[in-house]
Amino acid sequence: MPGAVFFNDETPTGKEERGAWHANAMKATADADLAFFDPDNGLSVASFPKGRKSSDKYVFDDELADHYAAGRSLLVYQHYSRRPR
């Protein structure tokens, strides 16, 4: 993909580390028109706030809002289990 910027640093769990990670992602994608997210578990949920174990598997509303405020379109990929419920 010509011109694509990939930010694939490992997402940390710690709240402060997550903030630094997000700041680095914003810098790395400063010239991007589109931000694509592929969180392991999806959009944030109340039971896994930032800093809690496994919160690295979610993308948080404020992170999405920052990218949107920077003028980027957002694409979040989430698929559902293939197993019957």
PDB file of N, CA and C in Angstrom:
ATOM      1  N   MET A   1       0.850  -1.177   0.000  1.00  0.00           N
ATOM      2  CA  MET A   1       0.000   0.000   0.000  1.00  0.00           C
ATOM      3  C   MET A   1       0.891   1.234   0.000  1.00  0.00           C
ATOM      4  N   PRO A   2       1.085   1.813  -1.149  1.00  0.00           N
ATOM      5  CA  PRO A   2       1.939   3.006  -1.242  1.00  0.00           C
ATOM      6  C   PRO A   2       1.442   4.119  -0.320  1.00  0.00           C
ATOM      7  N   GLY A   3       2.356   4.695   0.416  1.00  0.00           N
ATOM      8  CA  GLY A   3       2.019   5.807   1.299  1.00  0.00           C
ATOM      9  C   GLY A   3       1.424   5.408   2.633  1.00  0.00           C
ATOM     10  N   ALA A   4       1.193   4.130   2.864  1.00  0.00           N
ATOM     11  CA  ALA A   4       0.609   3.693   4.137  1.00  0.00           C
ATOM     12  C   ALA A   4       1.637   3.807   5.251  1.00  0.00           C
ATOM     13  N   VAL A   5       1.162   4.162   6.416  1.00  0.00           N
ATOM     14  CA  VAL A   5       1.994   4.233   7.612  1.00  0.00           C
ATOM     15  C   VAL A   5       1.471   3.168   8.563  1.00  0.00           C
ATOM     16  N   PHE A   6       2.363   2.315   9.031  1.00  0.00           N
ATOM     17  CA  PHE A   6       1.969   1.261   9.955  1.00  0.00           C
ATOM     18  C   PHE A   6       2.535   1.565  11.335  1.00  0.00           C
ATOM     19  N   PHE A   7       1.669   1.621  12.330  1.00  0.00           N
ATOM     20  CA  PHE A   7       2.101   1.765  13.722  1.00  0.00           C
ATOM     21  C   PHE A   7       1.689   0.474  14.404  1.00  0.00           C
ATOM     22  N   ASN A   8       2.658  -0.395  14.613  1.00  0.00           N
ATOM     23  CA  ASN A   8       2.318  -1.691  15.190  1.00  0.00           C
ATOM     24  C   ASN A   8       3.125  -1.991  16.445  1.00  0.00           C
ATOM     25  N   ASP A   9       3.441  -0.935  17.206  1.00  0.00           N
ATOM     26  CA  ASP A   9       4.086  -1.147  18.503  1.00  0.00           C
ATOM     27  C   ASP A   9       3.135  -1.929  19.402  1.00  0.00           C
ATOM     28  N   GLU A  10       3.691  -2.789  20.205  1.00  0.00           N
ATOM     29  CA  GLU A  10       2.864  -3.587  21.106  1.00  0.00           C
ATOM     30  C   GLU A  10       2.099  -2.670  22.059  1.00  0.00           C
ATOM     31  N   THR A  11       0.824  -2.911  22.198  1.00  0.00           N
ATOM     32  CA  THR A  11      -0.032  -2.094  23.055  1.00  0.00           C
ATOM     33  C   THR A  11       0.194  -2.465  24.516  1.00  0.00           C
ATOM     34  N   PRO A  12       0.615  -1.503  25.338  1.00  0.00           N
ATOM     35  CA  PRO A  12       0.857  -1.810  26.749  1.00  0.00           C
ATOM     36  C   PRO A  12      -0.439  -1.834  27.565  1.00  0.00           C
ATOM     37  N   THR A  13      -0.376  -2.451  28.719  1.00  0.00           N
ATOM     38  CA  THR A  13      -1.529  -2.520  29.607  1.00  0.00           C
ATOM     39  C   THR A  13      -1.576  -1.343  30.571  1.00  0.00           C
ATOM     40  N   GLY A  14      -0.424  -0.932  31.097  1.00  0.00           N
ATOM     41  CA  GLY A  14      -0.380   0.144  32.089  1.00  0.00           C
ATOM     42  C   GLY A  14      -0.967   1.446  31.581  1.00  0.00           C
ATOM     43  N   LYS A  15      -1.656   2.173  32.447  1.00  0.00           N
ATOM     44  CA  LYS A  15      -2.343   3.401  32.054  1.00  0.00           C
ATOM     45  C   LYS A  15      -1.368   4.459  31.528  1.00  0.00           C
ATOM     46  N   GLU A  16      -0.276   4.698  32.245  1.00  0.00           N
ATOM     47  CA  GLU A  16       0.701   5.699  31.802  1.00  0.00           C
ATOM     48  C   GLU A  16       1.397   5.260  30.522  1.00  0.00           C
ATOM     49  N   GLU A  17       1.753   3.991  30.463  1.00  0.00           N
ATOM     50  CA  GLU A  17       2.407   3.462  29.267  1.00  0.00           C
ATOM     51  C   GLU A  17       1.466   3.535  28.065  1.00  0.00           C
ATOM     52  N   ARG A  18       0.191   3.304  28.307  1.00  0.00           N
ATOM     53  CA  ARG A  18      -0.802   3.373  27.235  1.00  0.00           C
ATOM     54  C   ARG A  18      -0.903   4.800  26.703  1.00  0.00           C
ATOM     55  N   GLY A  19      -0.829   5.773  27.607  1.00  0.00           N
ATOM     56  CA  GLY A  19      -0.869   7.171  27.184  1.00  0.00           C
ATOM     57  C   GLY A  19       0.318   7.530  26.302  1.00  0.00           C
ATOM     58  N   ALA A  20       1.511   7.067  26.671  1.00  0.00           N
ATOM     59  CA  ALA A  20       2.712   7.317  25.869  1.00  0.00           C
ATOM     60  C   ALA A  20       2.610   6.608  24.527  1.00  0.00           C
ATOM     61  N   TRP A  21       2.108   5.389  24.543  1.00  0.00           N
ATOM     62  CA  TRP A  21       1.912   4.624  23.308  1.00  0.00           C
ATOM     63  C   TRP A  21       0.970   5.363  22.366  1.00  0.00           C
ATOM     64  N   HIS A  22      -0.114   5.874  22.912  1.00  0.00           N
ATOM     65  CA  HIS A  22      -1.100   6.604  22.101  1.00  0.00           C
ATOM     66  C   HIS A  22      -0.486   7.888  21.529  1.00  0.00           C
ATOM     67  N   ALA A  23       0.290   8.595  22.334  1.00  0.00           N
ATOM     68  CA  ALA A  23       0.953   9.812  21.847  1.00  0.00           C
ATOM     69  C   ALA A  23       1.892   9.471  20.689  1.00  0.00           C
ATOM     70  N   ASN A  24       2.612   8.371  20.800  1.00  0.00           N
ATOM     71  CA  ASN A  24       3.502   7.939  19.720  1.00  0.00           C
ATOM     72  C   ASN A  24       2.709   7.554  18.466  1.00  0.00           C
ATOM     73  N   ALA A  25       1.568   6.922  18.658  1.00  0.00           N
ATOM     74  CA  ALA A  25       0.715   6.561  17.524  1.00  0.00           C
ATOM     75  C   ALA A  25       0.205   7.814  16.820  1.00  0.00           C
ATOM     76  N   MET A  26      -0.169   8.818  17.591  1.00  0.00           N
ATOM     77  CA  MET A  26      -0.651  10.069  17.005  1.00  0.00           C
ATOM     78  C   MET A  26       0.449  10.749  16.191  1.00  0.00           C
ATOM     79  N   LYS A  27       1.669  10.737  16.714  1.00  0.00           N
ATOM     80  CA  LYS A  27       2.799  11.341  15.986  1.00  0.00           C
ATOM     81  C   LYS A  27       3.099  10.568  14.711  1.00  0.00           C
ATOM     82  N   ALA A  28       3.109   9.251  14.811  1.00  0.00           N
ATOM     83  CA  ALA A  28       3.454   8.409  13.661  1.00  0.00           C
ATOM     84  C   ALA A  28       2.442   8.541  12.529  1.00  0.00           C
ATOM     85  N   THR A  29       1.194   8.845  12.881  1.00  0.00           N
ATOM     86  CA  THR A  29       0.135   8.913  11.879  1.00  0.00           C
ATOM     87  C   THR A  29      -0.320  10.349  11.589  1.00  0.00           C
ATOM     88  N   ALA A  30       0.538  11.298  11.923  1.00  0.00           N
ATOM     89  CA  ALA A  30       0.173  12.717  11.805  1.00  0.00           C
ATOM     90  C   ALA A  30      -0.322  13.106  10.414  1.00  0.00           C
ATOM     91  N   ASP A  31       0.205  12.502   9.383  1.00  0.00           N
ATOM     92  CA  ASP A  31      -0.186  12.861   8.017  1.00  0.00           C
ATOM     93  C   ASP A  31      -1.222  11.916   7.415  1.00  0.00           C
ATOM     94  N   ALA A  32      -1.741  11.007   8.207  1.00  0.00           N
ATOM     95  CA  ALA A  32      -2.690  10.013   7.693  1.00  0.00           C
ATOM     96  C   ALA A  32      -4.091  10.603   7.546  1.00  0.00           C
ATOM     97  N   ASP A  33      -4.807  10.097   6.567  1.00  0.00           N
ATOM     98  CA  ASP A  33      -6.206  10.481   6.351  1.00  0.00           C
ATOM     99  C   ASP A  33      -7.163   9.469   6.955  1.00  0.00           C
ATOM    100  N   LEU A  34      -6.662   8.256   7.177  1.00  0.00           N
ATOM    101  CA  LEU A  34      -7.473   7.151   7.676  1.00  0.00           C
ATOM    102  C   LEU A  34      -6.701   6.426   8.766  1.00  0.00           C
ATOM    103  N   ALA A  35      -7.379   6.126   9.858  1.00  0.00           N
ATOM    104  CA  ALA A  35      -6.780   5.324  10.928  1.00  0.00           C
ATOM    105  C   ALA A  35      -7.571   4.017  11.023  1.00  0.00           C
ATOM    106  N   PHE A  36      -6.853   2.915  10.881  1.00  0.00           N
ATOM    107  CA  PHE A  36      -7.449   1.585  10.933  1.00  0.00           C
ATOM    108  C   PHE A  36      -7.079   0.941  12.262  1.00  0.00           C
ATOM    109  N   PHE A  37      -8.062   0.405  12.953  1.00  0.00           N
ATOM    110  CA  PHE A  37      -7.852  -0.246  14.245  1.00  0.00           C
ATOM    111  C   PHE A  37      -8.324  -1.685  14.161  1.00  0.00           C
ATOM    112  N   ASP A  38      -7.537  -2.574  14.755  1.00  0.00           N
ATOM    113  CA  ASP A  38      -7.897  -3.989  14.798  1.00  0.00           C
ATOM    114  C   ASP A  38      -7.647  -4.518  16.211  1.00  0.00           C
ATOM    115  N   PRO A  39      -8.432  -4.040  17.183  1.00  0.00           N
ATOM    116  CA  PRO A  39      -8.229  -4.503  18.558  1.00  0.00           C
ATOM    117  C   PRO A  39      -8.616  -5.964  18.705  1.00  0.00           C
ATOM    118  N   ASP A  40      -7.904  -6.673  19.559  1.00  0.00           N
ATOM    119  CA  ASP A  40      -8.179  -8.096  19.760  1.00  0.00           C
ATOM    120  C   ASP A  40      -9.619  -8.355  20.184  1.00  0.00           C
ATOM    121  N   ASN A  41     -10.126  -7.529  21.114  1.00  0.00           N
ATOM    122  CA  ASN A  41     -11.472  -7.770  21.641  1.00  0.00           C
ATOM    123  C   ASN A  41     -12.494  -6.731  21.204  1.00  0.00           C
ATOM    124  N   GLY A  42     -12.059  -5.611  20.657  1.00  0.00           N
ATOM    125  CA  GLY A  42     -13.014  -4.626  20.158  1.00  0.00           C
ATOM    126  C   GLY A  42     -12.972  -3.304  20.894  1.00  0.00           C
ATOM    127  N   LEU A  43     -14.116  -2.626  20.878  1.00  0.00           N
ATOM    128  CA  LEU A  43     -14.251  -1.332  21.531  1.00  0.00           C
ATOM    129  C   LEU A  43     -14.228  -1.517  23.047  1.00  0.00           C
ATOM    130  N   SER A  44     -13.814  -0.466  23.740  1.00  0.00           N
ATOM    131  CA  SER A  44     -13.681  -0.548  25.192  1.00  0.00           C
ATOM    132  C   SER A  44     -15.011  -0.896  25.863  1.00  0.00           C
ATOM    133  N   VAL A  45     -14.885  -1.541  27.006  1.00  0.00           N
ATOM    134  CA  VAL A  45     -16.029  -1.902  27.838  1.00  0.00           C
ATOM    135  C   VAL A  45     -15.720  -1.490  29.268  1.00  0.00           C
ATOM    136  N   ALA A  46     -16.750  -1.207  30.038  1.00  0.00           N
ATOM    137  CA  ALA A  46     -16.576  -0.714  31.404  1.00  0.00           C
ATOM    138  C   ALA A  46     -15.796  -1.681  32.299  1.00  0.00           C
ATOM    139  N   SER A  47     -15.899  -2.969  32.039  1.00  0.00           N
ATOM    140  CA  SER A  47     -15.251  -3.957  32.898  1.00  0.00           C
ATOM    141  C   SER A  47     -13.733  -4.035  32.685  1.00  0.00           C
ATOM    142  N   PHE A  48     -13.209  -3.361  31.654  1.00  0.00           N
ATOM    143  CA  PHE A  48     -11.772  -3.361  31.394  1.00  0.00           C
ATOM    144  C   PHE A  48     -11.274  -1.937  31.162  1.00  0.00           C
ATOM    145  N   PRO A  49     -11.247  -1.105  32.224  1.00  0.00           N
ATOM    146  CA  PRO A  49     -10.749   0.258  32.044  1.00  0.00           C
ATOM    147  C   PRO A  49      -9.248   0.253  31.761  1.00  0.00           C
ATOM    148  N   LYS A  50      -8.745   1.358  31.238  1.00  0.00           N
ATOM    149  CA  LYS A  50      -7.304   1.460  30.971  1.00  0.00           C
ATOM    150  C   LYS A  50      -6.531   1.129  32.235  1.00  0.00           C
ATOM    151  N   GLY A  51      -5.490   0.363  32.071  1.00  0.00           N
ATOM    152  CA  GLY A  51      -4.646  -0.008  33.193  1.00  0.00           C
ATOM    153  C   GLY A  51      -4.974  -1.360  33.793  1.00  0.00           C
ATOM    154  N   ARG A  52      -6.145  -1.852  33.517  1.00  0.00           N
ATOM    155  CA  ARG A  52      -6.529  -3.161  34.048  1.00  0.00           C
ATOM    156  C   ARG A  52      -5.947  -4.259  33.157  1.00  0.00           C
ATOM    157  N   LYS A  53      -5.647  -5.379  33.761  1.00  0.00           N
ATOM    158  CA  LYS A  53      -5.130  -6.514  33.008  1.00  0.00           C
ATOM    159  C   LYS A  53      -6.040  -6.789  31.809  1.00  0.00           C
ATOM    160  N   SER A  54      -5.447  -7.021  30.673  1.00  0.00           N
ATOM    161  CA  SER A  54      -6.125  -7.300  29.402  1.00  0.00           C
ATOM    162  C   SER A  54      -6.785  -6.086  28.754  1.00  0.00           C
ATOM    163  N   SER A  55      -6.613  -4.880  29.337  1.00  0.00           N
ATOM    164  CA  SER A  55      -7.186  -3.690  28.698  1.00  0.00           C
ATOM    165  C   SER A  55      -6.462  -3.364  27.388  1.00  0.00           C
ATOM    166  N   ASP A  56      -5.293  -3.973  27.193  1.00  0.00           N
ATOM    167  CA  ASP A  56      -4.551  -3.764  25.944  1.00  0.00           C
ATOM    168  C   ASP A  56      -5.263  -4.391  24.745  1.00  0.00           C
ATOM    169  N   LYS A  57      -6.288  -5.162  24.996  1.00  0.00           N
ATOM    170  CA  LYS A  57      -7.014  -5.840  23.915  1.00  0.00           C
ATOM    171  C   LYS A  57      -8.178  -5.003  23.377  1.00  0.00           C
ATOM    172  N   TYR A  58      -8.302  -3.774  23.867  1.00  0.00           N
ATOM    173  CA  TYR A  58      -9.407  -2.901  23.487  1.00  0.00           C
ATOM    174  C   TYR A  58      -8.877  -1.582  22.940  1.00  0.00           C
ATOM    175  N   VAL A  59      -9.686  -0.917  22.107  1.00  0.00           N
ATOM    176  CA  VAL A  59      -9.411   0.453  21.702  1.00  0.00           C
ATOM    177  C   VAL A  59     -10.398   1.326  22.482  1.00  0.00           C
ATOM    178  N   PHE A  60      -9.912   2.445  22.991  1.00  0.00           N
ATOM    179  CA  PHE A  60     -10.714   3.295  23.865  1.00  0.00           C
ATOM    180  C   PHE A  60     -11.283   4.498  23.127  1.00  0.00           C
ATOM    181  N   ASP A  61     -12.446   4.949  23.606  1.00  0.00           N
ATOM    182  CA  ASP A  61     -13.159   6.045  22.961  1.00  0.00           C
ATOM    183  C   ASP A  61     -12.299   7.297  22.805  1.00  0.00           C
ATOM    184  N   ASP A  62     -11.525   7.631  23.837  1.00  0.00           N
ATOM    185  CA  ASP A  62     -10.712   8.847  23.754  1.00  0.00           C
ATOM    186  C   ASP A  62      -9.625   8.728  22.691  1.00  0.00           C
ATOM    187  N   GLU A  63      -9.114   7.531  22.478  1.00  0.00           N
ATOM    188  CA  GLU A  63      -8.106   7.317  21.442  1.00  0.00           C
ATOM    189  C   GLU A  63      -8.729   7.508  20.057  1.00  0.00           C
ATOM    190  N   LEU A  64      -9.896   6.939  19.865  1.00  0.00           N
ATOM    191  CA  LEU A  64     -10.602   7.123  18.602  1.00  0.00           C
ATOM    192  C   LEU A  64     -10.929   8.598  18.386  1.00  0.00           C
ATOM    193  N   ALA A  65     -11.383   9.263  19.446  1.00  0.00           N
ATOM    194  CA  ALA A  65     -11.746  10.682  19.352  1.00  0.00           C
ATOM    195  C   ALA A  65     -10.551  11.543  18.968  1.00  0.00           C
ATOM    196  N   ASP A  66      -9.376  11.227  19.503  1.00  0.00           N
ATOM    197  CA  ASP A  66      -8.176  12.001  19.163  1.00  0.00           C
ATOM    198  C   ASP A  66      -7.835  11.876  17.679  1.00  0.00           C
ATOM    199  N   HIS A  67      -7.936  10.669  17.151  1.00  0.00           N
ATOM    200  CA  HIS A  67      -7.659  10.477  15.726  1.00  0.00           C
ATOM    201  C   HIS A  67      -8.699  11.206  14.873  1.00  0.00           C
ATOM    202  N   TYR A  68      -9.946  11.134  15.284  1.00  0.00           N
ATOM    203  CA  TYR A  68     -11.012  11.815  14.548  1.00  0.00           C
ATOM    204  C   TYR A  68     -10.818  13.327  14.597  1.00  0.00           C
ATOM    205  N   ALA A  69     -10.466  13.847  15.777  1.00  0.00           N
ATOM    206  CA  ALA A  69     -10.228  15.287  15.929  1.00  0.00           C
ATOM    207  C   ALA A  69      -9.048  15.754  15.083  1.00  0.00           C
ATOM    208  N   ALA A  70      -8.127  14.834  14.796  1.00  0.00           N
ATOM    209  CA  ALA A  70      -6.971  15.156  13.954  1.00  0.00           C
ATOM    210  C   ALA A  70      -7.334  15.122  12.472  1.00  0.00           C
ATOM    211  N   GLY A  71      -8.605  14.866  12.166  1.00  0.00           N
ATOM    212  CA  GLY A  71      -9.076  14.903  10.790  1.00  0.00           C
ATOM    213  C   GLY A  71      -9.036  13.584  10.055  1.00  0.00           C
ATOM    214  N   ARG A  72      -8.868  12.504  10.794  1.00  0.00           N
ATOM    215  CA  ARG A  72      -8.802  11.190  10.154  1.00  0.00           C
ATOM    216  C   ARG A  72     -10.163  10.505  10.145  1.00  0.00           C
ATOM    217  N   SER A  73     -10.411   9.772   9.090  1.00  0.00           N
ATOM    218  CA  SER A  73     -11.542   8.853   9.092  1.00  0.00           C
ATOM    219  C   SER A  73     -11.113   7.641   9.913  1.00  0.00           C
ATOM    220  N   LEU A  74     -12.067   6.972  10.536  1.00  0.00           N
ATOM    221  CA  LEU A  74     -11.770   5.828  11.396  1.00  0.00           C
ATOM    222  C   LEU A  74     -12.387   4.561  10.830  1.00  0.00           C
ATOM    223  N   LEU A  75     -11.626   3.488  10.906  1.00  0.00           N
ATOM    224  CA  LEU A  75     -12.122   2.168  10.522  1.00  0.00           C
ATOM    225  C   LEU A  75     -11.718   1.209  11.628  1.00  0.00           C
ATOM    226  N   VAL A  76     -12.712   0.620  12.281  1.00  0.00           N
ATOM    227  CA  VAL A  76     -12.459  -0.336  13.366  1.00  0.00           C
ATOM    228  C   VAL A  76     -12.942  -1.696  12.903  1.00  0.00           C
ATOM    229  N   TYR A  77     -12.041  -2.659  12.910  1.00  0.00           N
ATOM    230  CA  TYR A  77     -12.381  -4.024  12.495  1.00  0.00           C
ATOM    231  C   TYR A  77     -12.676  -4.856  13.731  1.00  0.00           C
ATOM    232  N   GLN A  78     -13.806  -5.514  13.718  1.00  0.00           N
ATOM    233  CA  GLN A  78     -14.149  -6.444  14.788  1.00  0.00           C
ATOM    234  C   GLN A  78     -14.962  -7.570  14.178  1.00  0.00           C
ATOM    235  N   HIS A  79     -14.572  -8.777  14.467  1.00  0.00           N
ATOM    236  CA  HIS A  79     -15.357  -9.911  13.984  1.00  0.00           C
ATOM    237  C   HIS A  79     -15.888 -10.680  15.182  1.00  0.00           C
ATOM    238  N   TYR A  80     -16.939 -11.400  14.939  1.00  0.00           N
ATOM    239  CA  TYR A  80     -17.552 -12.177  15.996  1.00  0.00           C
ATOM    240  C   TYR A  80     -17.141 -13.635  15.883  1.00  0.00           C
ATOM    241  N   SER A  81     -17.229 -14.313  16.970  1.00  0.00           N
ATOM    242  CA  SER A  81     -16.873 -15.715  17.027  1.00  0.00           C
ATOM    243  C   SER A  81     -17.677 -16.519  16.013  1.00  0.00           C
ATOM    244  N   ARG A  82     -17.019 -17.511  15.446  1.00  0.00           N
ATOM    245  CA  ARG A  82     -17.704 -18.390  14.501  1.00  0.00           C
ATOM    246  C   ARG A  82     -18.458 -19.495  15.217  1.00  0.00           C
ATOM    247  N   ARG A  83     -18.201 -19.616  16.506  1.00  0.00           N
ATOM    248  CA  ARG A  83     -18.887 -20.652  17.288  1.00  0.00           C
ATOM    249  C   ARG A  83     -20.319 -20.253  17.568  1.00  0.00           C
ATOM    250  N   PRO A  84     -21.253 -21.175  17.492  1.00  0.00           N
ATOM    251  CA  PRO A  84     -22.641 -20.850  17.834  1.00  0.00           C
ATOM    252  C   PRO A  84     -22.732 -20.472  19.312  1.00  0.00           C
ATOM    253  N   ARG A  85     -23.610 -19.576  19.594  1.00  0.00           N
ATOM    254  CA  ARG A  85     -23.800 -19.146  20.993  1.00  0.00           C
ATOM    255  C   ARG A  85     -24.916 -19.903  21.635  1.00  0.00           C
TER     256      ARG A  85
END
